[in-house]
Amino acid sequence: MIFDRTCCVWVAYALLFSVPTLAVADSQQFDIPAEALPSALKAFAAQAHIQVFYVHSEVANARSYAVRGELDTCEALQDLLRDALCDT
């Protein structure tokens, strides 16, 4: 499935704003391989100890980037998503 930039922006905003407890100084240890985005988002939520809400059909065919190391949760989510939903 190909996503246009508008869809990408809205999905990214929805993901970022669905986790209001993200704190800039709140760092966690992450070890998430590059994989199907729904699986990566579940792993991210578990490792960050937060809930993440998203529309499964919008991310079902997308892939994530690997995220490893000690990162704050917002930075880890940005790394995980990078351009995962955008068709450039």
Protein backbone atom coordinates (compact mmCIF):
# COMPACT_ATOMS: atom_id res chain seq x y z
CA MET A 1 0.00 0.00 0.00
CA ILE A 2 1.34 3.43 -0.91
CA PHE A 3 0.75 6.33 1.44
CA ASP A 4 0.75 9.94 0.34
CA ARG A 5 2.55 12.59 2.39
CA THR A 6 -0.67 13.90 3.96
CA CYS A 7 -1.54 10.45 5.28
CA CYS A 8 2.02 10.04 6.55
CA VAL A 9 1.91 13.32 8.43
CA TRP A 10 -1.46 12.57 10.04
CA VAL A 11 -0.47 9.06 11.10
CA ALA A 12 2.82 10.33 12.53
CA TYR A 13 1.02 13.08 14.47
CA ALA A 14 -1.54 10.60 15.73
CA LEU A 15 1.22 8.32 16.98
CA LEU A 16 3.19 11.12 18.60
CA PHE A 17 0.17 12.71 20.27
CA SER A 18 -1.26 9.39 21.45
CA VAL A 19 1.58 9.09 23.91
CA PRO A 20 1.31 12.30 25.97
CA THR A 21 3.38 10.85 28.81
CA LEU A 22 6.56 11.04 26.72
CA ALA A 23 9.10 13.05 28.64
CA VAL A 24 12.20 14.42 26.99
CA ALA A 25 14.44 13.34 29.87
CA ASP A 26 12.72 9.95 30.27
CA SER A 27 15.24 7.58 28.72
CA GLN A 28 14.71 3.86 28.31
CA GLN A 29 16.74 0.98 26.95
CA PHE A 30 15.32 -0.05 23.55
CA ASP A 31 16.04 -3.14 21.49
CA ILE A 32 13.57 -3.26 18.60
CA PRO A 33 14.60 -4.86 15.30
CA ALA A 34 13.51 -3.57 11.90
CA GLU A 35 10.23 -5.40 11.37
CA ALA A 36 6.57 -5.00 10.44
CA LEU A 37 5.40 -1.70 11.92
CA PRO A 38 2.50 -3.12 13.99
CA SER A 39 4.91 -5.51 15.74
CA ALA A 40 7.48 -2.75 16.23
CA LEU A 41 4.88 -0.44 17.76
CA LYS A 42 3.84 -3.16 20.22
CA ALA A 43 7.47 -3.73 21.17
CA PHE A 44 8.01 0.03 21.52
CA ALA A 45 4.98 0.40 23.79
CA ALA A 46 6.11 -2.50 25.98
CA GLN A 47 9.70 -1.26 26.27
CA ALA A 48 8.65 2.37 26.88
CA HIS A 49 5.95 1.32 29.38
CA ILE A 50 3.28 3.36 27.60
CA GLN A 51 0.17 2.81 25.49
CA VAL A 52 0.31 3.60 21.79
CA PHE A 53 -2.88 3.95 19.73
CA TYR A 54 -2.89 3.66 15.96
CA VAL A 55 -5.10 2.55 13.08
CA HIS A 56 -3.87 -0.92 12.19
CA SER A 57 -4.98 -0.71 8.55
CA GLU A 58 -2.83 2.42 8.10
CA VAL A 59 0.37 0.73 9.28
CA ALA A 60 -0.27 -2.92 8.42
CA ASN A 61 2.01 -3.02 5.38
CA ALA A 62 4.68 -0.59 6.60
CA ARG A 63 8.04 -1.55 8.09
CA SER A 64 9.92 0.09 10.92
CA TYR A 65 13.56 0.91 11.41
CA ALA A 66 15.61 -0.77 14.11
CA VAL A 67 15.92 1.11 17.42
CA ARG A 68 18.63 0.09 19.86
CA GLY A 69 20.24 1.78 22.81
CA GLU A 70 19.49 4.18 25.62
CA LEU A 71 17.15 6.80 24.16
CA ASP A 72 14.40 9.07 25.39
CA THR A 73 11.01 7.74 24.36
CA CYS A 74 10.22 10.51 21.88
CA GLU A 75 13.55 10.08 20.11
CA ALA A 76 13.06 6.30 20.00
CA LEU A 77 9.61 6.69 18.42
CA GLN A 78 10.95 9.13 15.82
CA ASP A 79 13.78 6.71 14.97
CA LEU A 80 11.34 3.80 14.76
CA LEU A 81 9.06 5.64 12.32
CA ARG A 82 11.60 7.67 10.32
CA ASP A 83 10.01 7.52 6.85
CA ALA A 84 8.23 4.20 7.44
CA LEU A 85 4.84 5.48 6.32
CA CYS A 86 5.91 7.80 3.53
CA ASP A 87 6.35 6.93 -0.11
CA THR A 88 9.06 9.28 -1.36
